[in-house]
PDB file of N, CA and C in Angstrom:
ATOM      1  N   MET A   1     -39.887  27.682 -38.000  1.00  0.00           N
ATOM      2  CA  MET A   1     -39.444  28.122 -36.684  1.00  0.00           C
ATOM      3  C   MET A   1     -38.060  27.586 -36.362  1.00  0.00           C
ATOM      4  N   SER A   2     -37.256  27.378 -37.327  1.00  0.00           N
ATOM      5  CA  SER A   2     -35.937  26.808 -37.092  1.00  0.00           C
ATOM      6  C   SER A   2     -35.005  27.770 -36.362  1.00  0.00           C
ATOM      7  N   ASP A   3     -35.386  29.043 -36.247  1.00  0.00           N
ATOM      8  CA  ASP A   3     -34.542  29.981 -35.516  1.00  0.00           C
ATOM      9  C   ASP A   3     -34.847  29.987 -34.024  1.00  0.00           C
ATOM     10  N   TYR A   4     -35.623  29.006 -33.561  1.00  0.00           N
ATOM     11  CA  TYR A   4     -35.945  28.836 -32.152  1.00  0.00           C
ATOM     12  C   TYR A   4     -35.297  27.565 -31.628  1.00  0.00           C
ATOM     13  N   VAL A   5     -35.043  27.535 -30.315  1.00  0.00           N
ATOM     14  CA  VAL A   5     -34.529  26.331 -29.662  1.00  0.00           C
ATOM     15  C   VAL A   5     -35.452  25.983 -28.501  1.00  0.00           C
ATOM     16  N   ASP A   6     -35.504  24.693 -28.173  1.00  0.00           N
ATOM     17  CA  ASP A   6     -36.258  24.254 -27.000  1.00  0.00           C
ATOM     18  C   ASP A   6     -35.476  24.630 -25.755  1.00  0.00           C
ATOM     19  N   VAL A   7     -36.189  25.096 -24.743  1.00  0.00           N
ATOM     20  CA  VAL A   7     -35.538  25.486 -23.498  1.00  0.00           C
ATOM     21  C   VAL A   7     -36.448  25.118 -22.321  1.00  0.00           C
ATOM     22  N   ILE A   8     -35.823  24.682 -21.244  1.00  0.00           N
ATOM     23  CA  ILE A   8     -36.548  24.405 -20.001  1.00  0.00           C
ATOM     24  C   ILE A   8     -36.247  25.547 -19.041  1.00  0.00           C
ATOM     25  N   LEU A   9     -37.310  26.115 -18.480  1.00  0.00           N
ATOM     26  CA  LEU A   9     -37.187  27.207 -17.527  1.00  0.00           C
ATOM     27  C   LEU A   9     -37.849  26.784 -16.221  1.00  0.00           C
ATOM     28  N   VAL A  10     -37.194  27.091 -15.106  1.00  0.00           N
ATOM     29  CA  VAL A  10     -37.727  26.762 -13.778  1.00  0.00           C
ATOM     30  C   VAL A  10     -37.818  28.053 -12.984  1.00  0.00           C
ATOM     31  N   ILE A  11     -38.963  28.223 -12.313  1.00  0.00           N
ATOM     32  CA  ILE A  11     -39.209  29.449 -11.566  1.00  0.00           C
ATOM     33  C   ILE A  11     -39.832  29.092 -10.213  1.00  0.00           C
ATOM     34  N   PRO A  12     -39.446  29.763  -9.129  1.00  0.00           N
ATOM     35  CA  PRO A  12     -40.100  29.518  -7.839  1.00  0.00           C
ATOM     36  C   PRO A  12     -41.582  29.900  -7.905  1.00  0.00           C
ATOM     37  N   LEU A  13     -42.407  29.204  -7.161  1.00  0.00           N
ATOM     38  CA  LEU A  13     -43.853  29.464  -7.193  1.00  0.00           C
ATOM     39  C   LEU A  13     -44.209  30.899  -6.816  1.00  0.00           C
ATOM     40  N   GLN A  14     -43.432  31.513  -5.931  1.00  0.00           N
ATOM     41  CA  GLN A  14     -43.791  32.853  -5.490  1.00  0.00           C
ATOM     42  C   GLN A  14     -43.709  33.902  -6.596  1.00  0.00           C
ATOM     43  N   VAL A  15     -43.109  33.576  -7.737  1.00  0.00           N
ATOM     44  CA  VAL A  15     -43.050  34.538  -8.849  1.00  0.00           C
ATOM     45  C   VAL A  15     -43.691  33.981 -10.134  1.00  0.00           C
ATOM     46  N   VAL A  16     -44.545  32.975  -9.998  1.00  0.00           N
ATOM     47  CA  VAL A  16     -45.195  32.387 -11.180  1.00  0.00           C
ATOM     48  C   VAL A  16     -46.066  33.414 -11.906  1.00  0.00           C
ATOM     49  N   GLU A  17     -46.814  34.218 -11.183  1.00  0.00           N
ATOM     50  CA  GLU A  17     -47.676  35.214 -11.841  1.00  0.00           C
ATOM     51  C   GLU A  17     -46.840  36.201 -12.650  1.00  0.00           C
ATOM     52  N   GLN A  18     -45.749  36.690 -12.068  1.00  0.00           N
ATOM     53  CA  GLN A  18     -44.876  37.620 -12.775  1.00  0.00           C
ATOM     54  C   GLN A  18     -44.254  36.936 -13.995  1.00  0.00           C
ATOM     55  N   ALA A  19     -43.809  35.688 -13.807  1.00  0.00           N
ATOM     56  CA  ALA A  19     -43.189  34.944 -14.905  1.00  0.00           C
ATOM     57  C   ALA A  19     -44.177  34.727 -16.048  1.00  0.00           C
ATOM     58  N   ASN A  20     -45.421  34.446 -15.731  1.00  0.00           N
ATOM     59  CA  ASN A  20     -46.425  34.259 -16.777  1.00  0.00           C
ATOM     60  C   ASN A  20     -46.718  35.559 -17.522  1.00  0.00           C
ATOM     61  N   ARG A  21     -46.690  36.679 -16.827  1.00  0.00           N
ATOM     62  CA  ARG A  21     -46.886  37.961 -17.523  1.00  0.00           C
ATOM     63  C   ARG A  21     -45.718  38.231 -18.470  1.00  0.00           C
ATOM     64  N   VAL A  22     -44.513  37.879 -18.060  1.00  0.00           N
ATOM     65  CA  VAL A  22     -43.351  38.024 -18.941  1.00  0.00           C
ATOM     66  C   VAL A  22     -43.460  37.036 -20.110  1.00  0.00           C
ATOM     67  N   ALA A  23     -43.915  35.828 -19.825  1.00  0.00           N
ATOM     68  CA  ALA A  23     -44.031  34.798 -20.860  1.00  0.00           C
ATOM     69  C   ALA A  23     -45.032  35.163 -21.940  1.00  0.00           C
ATOM     70  N   THR A  24     -46.014  36.005 -21.629  1.00  0.00           N
ATOM     71  CA  THR A  24     -46.957  36.417 -22.670  1.00  0.00           C
ATOM     72  C   THR A  24     -46.248  37.159 -23.784  1.00  0.00           C
ATOM     73  N   VAL A  25     -45.075  37.700 -23.497  1.00  0.00           N
ATOM     74  CA  VAL A  25     -44.297  38.396 -24.524  1.00  0.00           C
ATOM     75  C   VAL A  25     -43.417  37.413 -25.292  1.00  0.00           C
ATOM     76  N   PHE A  26     -42.635  36.583 -24.583  1.00  0.00           N
ATOM     77  CA  PHE A  26     -41.650  35.756 -25.289  1.00  0.00           C
ATOM     78  C   PHE A  26     -42.165  34.415 -25.776  1.00  0.00           C
ATOM     79  N   ASP A  27     -43.255  33.920 -25.208  1.00  0.00           N
ATOM     80  CA  ASP A  27     -43.805  32.641 -25.653  1.00  0.00           C
ATOM     81  C   ASP A  27     -44.622  32.908 -26.914  1.00  0.00           C
ATOM     82  N   PRO A  28     -44.212  32.368 -28.050  1.00  0.00           N
ATOM     83  CA  PRO A  28     -44.863  32.717 -29.317  1.00  0.00           C
ATOM     84  C   PRO A  28     -46.278  32.164 -29.470  1.00  0.00           C
ATOM     85  N   ASP A  29     -46.698  31.283 -28.592  1.00  0.00           N
ATOM     86  CA  ASP A  29     -48.059  30.763 -28.655  1.00  0.00           C
ATOM     87  C   ASP A  29     -49.004  31.738 -27.968  1.00  0.00           C
ATOM     88  N   THR A  30     -50.285  31.561 -28.205  1.00  0.00           N
ATOM     89  CA  THR A  30     -51.263  32.446 -27.577  1.00  0.00           C
ATOM     90  C   THR A  30     -51.476  32.119 -26.105  1.00  0.00           C
ATOM     91  N   GLY A  31     -50.930  31.015 -25.623  1.00  0.00           N
ATOM     92  CA  GLY A  31     -51.113  30.619 -24.230  1.00  0.00           C
ATOM     93  C   GLY A  31     -49.978  31.015 -23.320  1.00  0.00           C
ATOM     94  N   GLY A  32     -49.219  32.025 -23.664  1.00  0.00           N
ATOM     95  CA  GLY A  32     -48.065  32.432 -22.878  1.00  0.00           C
ATOM     96  C   GLY A  32     -48.357  32.722 -21.424  1.00  0.00           C
ATOM     97  N   GLU A  33     -49.577  33.200 -21.141  1.00  0.00           N
ATOM     98  CA  GLU A  33     -49.929  33.517 -19.753  1.00  0.00           C
ATOM     99  C   GLU A  33     -50.112  32.259 -18.911  1.00  0.00           C
ATOM    100  N   HIS A  34     -50.057  31.100 -19.549  1.00  0.00           N
ATOM    101  CA  HIS A  34     -50.174  29.819 -18.843  1.00  0.00           C
ATOM    102  C   HIS A  34     -48.881  29.000 -18.954  1.00  0.00           C
ATOM    103  N   THR A  35     -47.784  29.652 -19.259  1.00  0.00           N
ATOM    104  CA  THR A  35     -46.514  28.955 -19.456  1.00  0.00           C
ATOM    105  C   THR A  35     -46.078  28.246 -18.178  1.00  0.00           C
ATOM    106  N   PHE A  36     -46.170  28.930 -17.045  1.00  0.00           N
ATOM    107  CA  PHE A  36     -45.740  28.360 -15.772  1.00  0.00           C
ATOM    108  C   PHE A  36     -46.948  27.989 -14.918  1.00  0.00           C
ATOM    109  N   GLY A  37     -46.820  26.919 -14.150  1.00  0.00           N
ATOM    110  CA  GLY A  37     -47.864  26.523 -13.218  1.00  0.00           C
ATOM    111  C   GLY A  37     -48.396  25.131 -13.455  1.00  0.00           C
ATOM    112  N   GLY A  38     -48.174  24.571 -14.638  1.00  0.00           N
ATOM    113  CA  GLY A  38     -48.704  23.247 -14.941  1.00  0.00           C
ATOM    114  C   GLY A  38     -47.824  22.102 -14.477  1.00  0.00           C
ATOM    115  N   CYS A  39     -46.528  22.289 -14.519  1.00  0.00           N
ATOM    116  CA  CYS A  39     -45.584  21.249 -14.114  1.00  0.00           C
ATOM    117  C   CYS A  39     -44.928  21.690 -12.809  1.00  0.00           C
ATOM    118  N   LEU A  40     -45.366  21.082 -11.724  1.00  0.00           N
ATOM    119  CA  LEU A  40     -44.910  21.491 -10.393  1.00  0.00           C
ATOM    120  C   LEU A  40     -43.778  20.605  -9.899  1.00  0.00           C
ATOM    121  N   LEU A  41     -42.875  21.213  -9.148  1.00  0.00           N
ATOM    122  CA  LEU A  41     -41.682  20.535  -8.632  1.00  0.00           C
ATOM    123  C   LEU A  41     -41.537  20.770  -7.139  1.00  0.00           C
ATOM    124  N   SER A  42     -40.843  19.836  -6.492  1.00  0.00           N
ATOM    125  CA  SER A  42     -40.465  20.005  -5.087  1.00  0.00           C
ATOM    126  C   SER A  42     -39.167  19.237  -4.863  1.00  0.00           C
ATOM    127  N   PRO A  43     -38.507  19.468  -3.741  1.00  0.00           N
ATOM    128  CA  PRO A  43     -37.245  18.769  -3.493  1.00  0.00           C
ATOM    129  C   PRO A  43     -37.372  17.247  -3.440  1.00  0.00           C
ATOM    130  N   ASP A  44     -38.533  16.737  -2.990  1.00  0.00           N
ATOM    131  CA  ASP A  44     -38.675  15.285  -2.877  1.00  0.00           C
ATOM    132  C   ASP A  44     -39.749  14.693  -3.795  1.00  0.00           C
ATOM    133  N   GLY A  45     -40.324  15.520  -4.669  1.00  0.00           N
ATOM    134  CA  GLY A  45     -41.348  15.033  -5.578  1.00  0.00           C
ATOM    135  C   GLY A  45     -42.723  14.897  -4.945  1.00  0.00           C
ATOM    136  N   ALA A  46     -42.872  15.386  -3.718  1.00  0.00           N
ATOM    137  CA  ALA A  46     -44.162  15.342  -3.025  1.00  0.00           C
ATOM    138  C   ALA A  46     -44.635  16.773  -2.766  1.00  0.00           C
ATOM    139  N   ALA A  47     -45.949  16.934  -2.660  1.00  0.00           N
ATOM    140  CA  ALA A  47     -46.495  18.244  -2.339  1.00  0.00           C
ATOM    141  C   ALA A  47     -46.030  18.652  -0.941  1.00  0.00           C
ATOM    142  N   PRO A  48     -45.885  19.912  -0.677  1.00  0.00           N
ATOM    143  CA  PRO A  48     -46.256  21.044  -1.507  1.00  0.00           C
ATOM    144  C   PRO A  48     -45.158  21.389  -2.522  1.00  0.00           C
ATOM    145  N   ALA A  49     -45.593  21.956  -3.637  1.00  0.00           N
ATOM    146  CA  ALA A  49     -44.662  22.373  -4.682  1.00  0.00           C
ATOM    147  C   ALA A  49     -43.904  23.619  -4.257  1.00  0.00           C
ATOM    148  N   THR A  50     -42.694  23.743  -4.764  1.00  0.00           N
ATOM    149  CA  THR A  50     -41.882  24.930  -4.502  1.00  0.00           C
ATOM    150  C   THR A  50     -41.537  25.675  -5.783  1.00  0.00           C
ATOM    151  N   HIS A  51     -41.608  24.982  -6.923  1.00  0.00           N
ATOM    152  CA  HIS A  51     -41.215  25.552  -8.207  1.00  0.00           C
ATOM    153  C   HIS A  51     -42.156  25.080  -9.311  1.00  0.00           C
ATOM    154  N   SER A  52     -42.073  25.773 -10.432  1.00  0.00           N
ATOM    155  CA  SER A  52     -42.793  25.365 -11.631  1.00  0.00           C
ATOM    156  C   SER A  52     -41.796  25.312 -12.783  1.00  0.00           C
ATOM    157  N   MET A  53     -41.973  24.313 -13.632  1.00  0.00           N
ATOM    158  CA  MET A  53     -41.085  24.128 -14.773  1.00  0.00           C
ATOM    159  C   MET A  53     -41.891  24.283 -16.049  1.00  0.00           C
ATOM    160  N   ALA A  54     -41.291  24.887 -17.054  1.00  0.00           N
ATOM    161  CA  ALA A  54     -41.940  25.025 -18.351  1.00  0.00           C
ATOM    162  C   ALA A  54     -40.946  24.686 -19.444  1.00  0.00           C
ATOM    163  N   SER A  55     -41.451  24.080 -20.482  1.00  0.00           N
ATOM    164  CA  SER A  55     -40.659  23.827 -21.673  1.00  0.00           C
ATOM    165  C   SER A  55     -41.266  24.687 -22.770  1.00  0.00           C
ATOM    166  N   THR A  56     -40.458  25.523 -23.365  1.00  0.00           N
ATOM    167  CA  THR A  56     -40.947  26.417 -24.400  1.00  0.00           C
ATOM    168  C   THR A  56     -39.885  26.545 -25.481  1.00  0.00           C
ATOM    169  N   ILE A  57     -40.159  27.341 -26.466  1.00  0.00           N
ATOM    170  CA  ILE A  57     -39.153  27.626 -27.474  1.00  0.00           C
ATOM    171  C   ILE A  57     -38.776  29.096 -27.369  1.00  0.00           C
ATOM    172  N   MET A  58     -37.534  29.378 -27.741  1.00  0.00           N
ATOM    173  CA  MET A  58     -37.028  30.732 -27.603  1.00  0.00           C
ATOM    174  C   MET A  58     -35.924  30.947 -28.624  1.00  0.00           C
ATOM    175  N   LYS A  59     -35.768  32.165 -29.061  1.00  0.00           N
ATOM    176  CA  LYS A  59     -34.646  32.491 -29.939  1.00  0.00           C
ATOM    177  C   LYS A  59     -33.373  32.422 -29.093  1.00  0.00           C
ATOM    178  N   PRO A  60     -32.332  31.770 -29.593  1.00  0.00           N
ATOM    179  CA  PRO A  60     -31.105  31.589 -28.799  1.00  0.00           C
ATOM    180  C   PRO A  60     -30.523  32.886 -28.246  1.00  0.00           C
ATOM    181  N   GLU A  61     -30.622  33.962 -28.991  1.00  0.00           N
ATOM    182  CA  GLU A  61     -30.025  35.221 -28.522  1.00  0.00           C
ATOM    183  C   GLU A  61     -30.705  35.756 -27.261  1.00  0.00           C
ATOM    184  N   TYR A  62     -31.931  35.337 -26.982  1.00  0.00           N
ATOM    185  CA  TYR A  62     -32.610  35.799 -25.777  1.00  0.00           C
ATOM    186  C   TYR A  62     -32.192  35.016 -24.541  1.00  0.00           C
ATOM    187  N   MET A  63     -31.725  33.795 -24.708  1.00  0.00           N
ATOM    188  CA  MET A  63     -31.331  32.987 -23.555  1.00  0.00           C
ATOM    189  C   MET A  63     -30.190  33.638 -22.775  1.00  0.00           C
ATOM    190  N   ALA A  64     -29.278  34.262 -23.482  1.00  0.00           N
ATOM    191  CA  ALA A  64     -28.108  34.860 -22.835  1.00  0.00           C
ATOM    192  C   ALA A  64     -28.461  36.063 -21.968  1.00  0.00           C
ATOM    193  N   ILE A  65     -29.604  36.703 -22.209  1.00  0.00           N
ATOM    194  CA  ILE A  65     -29.935  37.910 -21.445  1.00  0.00           C
ATOM    195  C   ILE A  65     -30.974  37.668 -20.360  1.00  0.00           C
ATOM    196  N   LEU A  66     -31.394  36.425 -20.177  1.00  0.00           N
ATOM    197  CA  LEU A  66     -32.434  36.144 -19.187  1.00  0.00           C
ATOM    198  C   LEU A  66     -32.035  36.500 -17.763  1.00  0.00           C
ATOM    199  N   SER A  67     -30.768  36.530 -17.469  1.00  0.00           N
ATOM    200  CA  SER A  67     -30.338  36.856 -16.104  1.00  0.00           C
ATOM    201  C   SER A  67     -29.987  38.338 -15.943  1.00  0.00           C
ATOM    202  N   ASP A  68     -30.174  39.133 -16.989  1.00  0.00           N
ATOM    203  CA  ASP A  68     -29.878  40.568 -16.927  1.00  0.00           C
ATOM    204  C   ASP A  68     -31.181  41.346 -17.111  1.00  0.00           C
ATOM    205  N   PRO A  69     -31.779  41.830 -16.007  1.00  0.00           N
ATOM    206  CA  PRO A  69     -33.080  42.490 -16.103  1.00  0.00           C
ATOM    207  C   PRO A  69     -33.130  43.675 -17.067  1.00  0.00           C
ATOM    208  N   GLU A  70     -32.085  44.479 -17.124  1.00  0.00           N
ATOM    209  CA  GLU A  70     -32.095  45.643 -18.013  1.00  0.00           C
ATOM    210  C   GLU A  70     -32.110  45.224 -19.471  1.00  0.00           C
ATOM    211  N   GLN A  71     -31.225  44.308 -19.839  1.00  0.00           N
ATOM    212  CA  GLN A  71     -31.189  43.830 -21.220  1.00  0.00           C
ATOM    213  C   GLN A  71     -32.475  43.079 -21.565  1.00  0.00           C
ATOM    214  N   ALA A  72     -32.959  42.266 -20.635  1.00  0.00           N
ATOM    215  CA  ALA A  72     -34.179  41.492 -20.883  1.00  0.00           C
ATOM    216  C   ALA A  72     -35.372  42.428 -21.063  1.00  0.00           C
ATOM    217  N   PHE A  73     -35.478  43.476 -20.241  1.00  0.00           N
ATOM    218  CA  PHE A  73     -36.587  44.408 -20.364  1.00  0.00           C
ATOM    219  C   PHE A  73     -36.581  45.089 -21.730  1.00  0.00           C
ATOM    220  N   ALA A  74     -35.418  45.549 -22.154  1.00  0.00           N
ATOM    221  CA  ALA A  74     -35.312  46.213 -23.460  1.00  0.00           C
ATOM    222  C   ALA A  74     -35.681  45.246 -24.593  1.00  0.00           C
ATOM    223  N   ALA A  75     -35.166  44.024 -24.527  1.00  0.00           N
ATOM    224  CA  ALA A  75     -35.453  43.034 -25.571  1.00  0.00           C
ATOM    225  C   ALA A  75     -36.924  42.644 -25.578  1.00  0.00           C
ATOM    226  N   LEU A  76     -37.507  42.469 -24.393  1.00  0.00           N
ATOM    227  CA  LEU A  76     -38.915  42.092 -24.311  1.00  0.00           C
ATOM    228  C   LEU A  76     -39.832  43.215 -24.777  1.00  0.00           C
ATOM    229  N   ALA A  77     -39.474  44.461 -24.487  1.00  0.00           N
ATOM    230  CA  ALA A  77     -40.273  45.591 -24.959  1.00  0.00           C
ATOM    231  C   ALA A  77     -40.272  45.640 -26.485  1.00  0.00           C
ATOM    232  N   GLN A  78     -39.104  45.412 -27.072  1.00  0.00           N
ATOM    233  CA  GLN A  78     -38.991  45.381 -28.535  1.00  0.00           C
ATOM    234  C   GLN A  78     -39.772  44.200 -29.114  1.00  0.00           C
ATOM    235  N   LEU A  79     -39.647  43.051 -28.474  1.00  0.00           N
ATOM    236  CA  LEU A  79     -40.348  41.854 -28.930  1.00  0.00           C
ATOM    237  C   LEU A  79     -41.864  42.037 -28.815  1.00  0.00           C
ATOM    238  N   ALA A  80     -42.332  42.662 -27.751  1.00  0.00           N
ATOM    239  CA  ALA A  80     -43.763  42.915 -27.576  1.00  0.00           C
ATOM    240  C   ALA A  80     -44.286  43.782 -28.714  1.00  0.00           C
ATOM    241  N   GLN A  81     -43.522  44.803 -29.066  1.00  0.00           N
ATOM    242  CA  GLN A  81     -43.934  45.676 -30.167  1.00  0.00           C
ATOM    243  C   GLN A  81     -43.971  44.894 -31.482  1.00  0.00           C
ATOM    244  N   GLU A  82     -42.949  44.060 -31.706  1.00  0.00           N
ATOM    245  CA  GLU A  82     -42.877  43.250 -32.922  1.00  0.00           C
ATOM    246  C   GLU A  82     -44.056  42.291 -33.030  1.00  0.00           C
ATOM    247  N   TYR A  83     -44.451  41.670 -31.897  1.00  0.00           N
ATOM    248  CA  TYR A  83     -45.549  40.698 -31.878  1.00  0.00           C
ATOM    249  C   TYR A  83     -46.923  41.359 -31.706  1.00  0.00           C
ATOM    250  N   GLY A  84     -46.969  42.677 -31.470  1.00  0.00           N
ATOM    251  CA  GLY A  84     -48.229  43.355 -31.240  1.00  0.00           C
ATOM    252  C   GLY A  84     -48.841  43.000 -29.900  1.00  0.00           C
ATOM    253  N   ARG A  85     -47.990  42.822 -28.909  1.00  0.00           N
ATOM    254  CA  ARG A  85     -48.449  42.454 -27.565  1.00  0.00           C
ATOM    255  C   ARG A  85     -48.164  43.589 -26.594  1.00  0.00           C
ATOM    256  N   ALA A  86     -48.779  43.522 -25.421  1.00  0.00           N
ATOM    257  CA  ALA A  86     -48.533  44.544 -24.398  1.00  0.00           C
ATOM    258  C   ALA A  86     -47.084  44.453 -23.924  1.00  0.00           C
ATOM    259  N   ALA A  87     -46.477  45.602 -23.690  1.00  0.00           N
ATOM    260  CA  ALA A  87     -45.107  45.645 -23.188  1.00  0.00           C
ATOM    261  C   ALA A  87     -45.052  45.069 -21.779  1.00  0.00           C
ATOM    262  N   PRO A  88     -43.936  44.477 -21.403  1.00  0.00           N
ATOM    263  CA  PRO A  88     -43.821  43.897 -20.059  1.00  0.00           C
ATOM    264  C   PRO A  88     -43.715  44.985 -18.995  1.00  0.00           C
ATOM    265  N   ILE A  89     -44.026  44.596 -17.781  1.00  0.00           N
ATOM    266  CA  ILE A  89     -43.858  45.482 -16.627  1.00  0.00           C
ATOM    267  C   ILE A  89     -42.432  45.276 -16.121  1.00  0.00           C
ATOM    268  N   GLU A  90     -41.727  46.359 -15.913  1.00  0.00           N
ATOM    269  CA  GLU A  90     -40.318  46.260 -15.528  1.00  0.00           C
ATOM    270  C   GLU A  90     -40.118  45.445 -14.252  1.00  0.00           C
ATOM    271  N   ALA A  91     -40.988  45.605 -13.259  1.00  0.00           N
ATOM    272  CA  ALA A  91     -40.861  44.850 -12.009  1.00  0.00           C
ATOM    273  C   ALA A  91     -41.039  43.348 -12.251  1.00  0.00           C
ATOM    274  N   ASP A  92     -41.936  42.984 -13.179  1.00  0.00           N
ATOM    275  CA  ASP A  92     -42.122  41.566 -13.515  1.00  0.00           C
ATOM    276  C   ASP A  92     -40.865  40.988 -14.159  1.00  0.00           C
ATOM    277  N   VAL A  93     -40.260  41.757 -15.047  1.00  0.00           N
ATOM    278  CA  VAL A  93     -39.035  41.295 -15.714  1.00  0.00           C
ATOM    279  C   VAL A  93     -37.917  41.131 -14.685  1.00  0.00           C
ATOM    280  N   GLN A  94     -37.833  42.068 -13.750  1.00  0.00           N
ATOM    281  CA  GLN A  94     -36.829  41.984 -12.680  1.00  0.00           C
ATOM    282  C   GLN A  94     -37.030  40.708 -11.860  1.00  0.00           C
ATOM    283  N   ASP A  95     -38.269  40.446 -11.439  1.00  0.00           N
ATOM    284  CA  ASP A  95     -38.556  39.244 -10.655  1.00  0.00           C
ATOM    285  C   ASP A  95     -38.241  37.978 -11.451  1.00  0.00           C
ATOM    286  N   PHE A  96     -38.632  37.967 -12.715  1.00  0.00           N
ATOM    287  CA  PHE A  96     -38.368  36.814 -13.564  1.00  0.00           C
ATOM    288  C   PHE A  96     -36.862  36.567 -13.688  1.00  0.00           C
ATOM    289  N   CYS A  97     -36.116  37.591 -14.086  1.00  0.00           N
ATOM    290  CA  CYS A  97     -34.672  37.436 -14.309  1.00  0.00           C
ATOM    291  C   CYS A  97     -33.918  37.050 -13.032  1.00  0.00           C
ATOM    292  N   ASN A  98     -34.350  37.577 -11.911  1.00  0.00           N
ATOM    293  CA  ASN A  98     -33.671  37.283 -10.650  1.00  0.00           C
ATOM    294  C   ASN A  98     -33.968  35.879 -10.125  1.00  0.00           C
ATOM    295  N   ASN A  99     -34.955  35.203 -10.700  1.00  0.00           N
ATOM    296  CA  ASN A  99     -35.374  33.909 -10.162  1.00  0.00           C
ATOM    297  C   ASN A  99     -35.363  32.753 -11.144  1.00  0.00           C
ATOM    298  N   VAL A 100     -35.248  33.002 -12.428  1.00  0.00           N
ATOM    299  CA  VAL A 100     -35.339  31.925 -13.417  1.00  0.00           C
ATOM    300  C   VAL A 100     -34.053  31.098 -13.451  1.00  0.00           C
ATOM    301  N   SER A 101     -34.233  29.791 -13.625  1.00  0.00           N
ATOM    302  CA  SER A 101     -33.118  28.871 -13.864  1.00  0.00           C
ATOM    303  C   SER A 101     -33.355  28.252 -15.231  1.00  0.00           C
ATOM    304  N   ILE A 102     -32.293  28.112 -15.983  1.00  0.00           N
ATOM    305  CA  ILE A 102     -32.390  27.559 -17.326  1.00  0.00           C
ATOM    306  C   ILE A 102     -31.839  26.143 -17.319  1.00  0.00           C
ATOM    307  N   GLY A 103     -32.579  25.222 -17.883  1.00  0.00           N
ATOM    308  CA  GLY A 103     -32.131  23.834 -17.989  1.00  0.00           C
ATOM    309  C   GLY A 103     -32.825  22.937 -16.989  1.00  0.00           C
ATOM    310  N   GLU A 104     -32.448  21.673 -17.042  1.00  0.00           N
ATOM    311  CA  GLU A 104     -33.044  20.671 -16.151  1.00  0.00           C
ATOM    312  C   GLU A 104     -32.883  21.102 -14.696  1.00  0.00           C
ATOM    313  N   PRO A 105     -33.942  20.981 -13.912  1.00  0.00           N
ATOM    314  CA  PRO A 105     -33.870  21.428 -12.520  1.00  0.00           C
ATOM    315  C   PRO A 105     -33.008  20.496 -11.673  1.00  0.00           C
ATOM    316  N   GLU A 106     -32.047  21.066 -10.977  1.00  0.00           N
ATOM    317  CA  GLU A 106     -31.205  20.275 -10.082  1.00  0.00           C
ATOM    318  C   GLU A 106     -31.792  20.326  -8.681  1.00  0.00           C
ATOM    319  N   GLY A 107     -31.887  19.162  -8.059  1.00  0.00           N
ATOM    320  CA  GLY A 107     -32.391  19.096  -6.693  1.00  0.00           C
ATOM    321  C   GLY A 107     -33.897  19.199  -6.581  1.00  0.00           C
ATOM    322  N   LEU A 108     -34.595  19.138  -7.715  1.00  0.00           N
ATOM    323  CA  LEU A 108     -36.050  19.207  -7.712  1.00  0.00           C
ATOM    324  C   LEU A 108     -36.612  18.053  -8.525  1.00  0.00           C
ATOM    325  N   LEU A 109     -37.744  17.533  -8.073  1.00  0.00           N
ATOM    326  CA  LEU A 109     -38.409  16.424  -8.763  1.00  0.00           C
ATOM    327  C   LEU A 109     -39.837  16.826  -9.110  1.00  0.00           C
ATOM    328  N   ARG A 110     -40.322  16.286 -10.205  1.00  0.00           N
ATOM    329  CA  ARG A 110     -41.683  16.583 -10.626  1.00  0.00           C
ATOM    330  C   ARG A 110     -42.677  15.916  -9.665  1.00  0.00           C
ATOM    331  N   ILE A 111     -43.691  16.673  -9.301  1.00  0.00           N
ATOM    332  CA  ILE A 111     -44.759  16.134  -8.477  1.00  0.00           C
ATOM    333  C   ILE A 111     -45.754  15.458  -9.405  1.00  0.00           C
ATOM    334  N   VAL A 112     -45.935  14.168  -9.207  1.00  0.00           N
ATOM    335  CA  VAL A 112     -46.837  13.397 -10.044  1.00  0.00           C
ATOM    336  C   VAL A 112     -48.000  12.930  -9.183  1.00  0.00           C
ATOM    337  N   GLU A 113     -49.206  13.267  -9.631  1.00  0.00           N
ATOM    338  CA  GLU A 113     -50.391  12.844  -8.892  1.00  0.00           C
ATOM    339  C   GLU A 113     -50.483  11.328  -8.912  1.00  0.00           C
ATOM    340  N   LYS A 114     -50.761  10.756  -7.764  1.00  0.00           N
ATOM    341  CA  LYS A 114     -50.914   9.316  -7.679  1.00  0.00           C
ATOM    342  C   LYS A 114     -52.271   8.922  -8.232  1.00  0.00           C
ATOM    343  N   GLU A 115     -52.263   7.858  -9.012  1.00  0.00           N
ATOM    344  CA  GLU A 115     -53.526   7.364  -9.559  1.00  0.00           C
ATOM    345  C   GLU A 115     -54.296   6.677  -8.447  1.00  0.00           C
ATOM    346  N   PRO A 116     -55.610   6.866  -8.422  1.00  0.00           N
ATOM    347  CA  PRO A 116     -56.417   6.214  -7.378  1.00  0.00           C
ATOM    348  C   PRO A 116     -56.358   4.689  -7.531  1.00  0.00           C
ATOM    349  N   ALA A 117     -56.391   4.012  -6.404  1.00  0.00           N
ATOM    350  CA  ALA A 117     -56.370   2.546  -6.422  1.00  0.00           C
ATOM    351  C   ALA A 117     -57.644   2.035  -7.084  1.00  0.00           C
ATOM    352  N   ALA A 118     -57.499   0.973  -7.839  1.00  0.00           N
ATOM    353  CA  ALA A 118     -58.659   0.409  -8.557  1.00  0.00           C
ATOM    354  C   ALA A 118     -59.573  -0.342  -7.641  1.00  0.00           C
TER     355      ALA A 118
END
């Protein structure tokens, strides 16, 4: 898998479902539908969460088109066919591309559950 790079993606919570449907295409693991939602973020690191962060691998050529819904839709449709997966929904790709941030989240902190007192 040397033709893949590690990438951090951040998405607002209001589009996590759409982002996960898109991730089922580009995330090469079978758990793509669970890519977003596990690592929650907020401006101060306390609940309620406002964003979700995911670390995944991706082919470098796809990173450049993540902010262009038309190019991303075409690439994801081709990738879905190549992987034998369902094609993405155009509205989901639009929501994903219009909201995704690439790289370490600025102004957001991970929400960490406090351990119960002993």
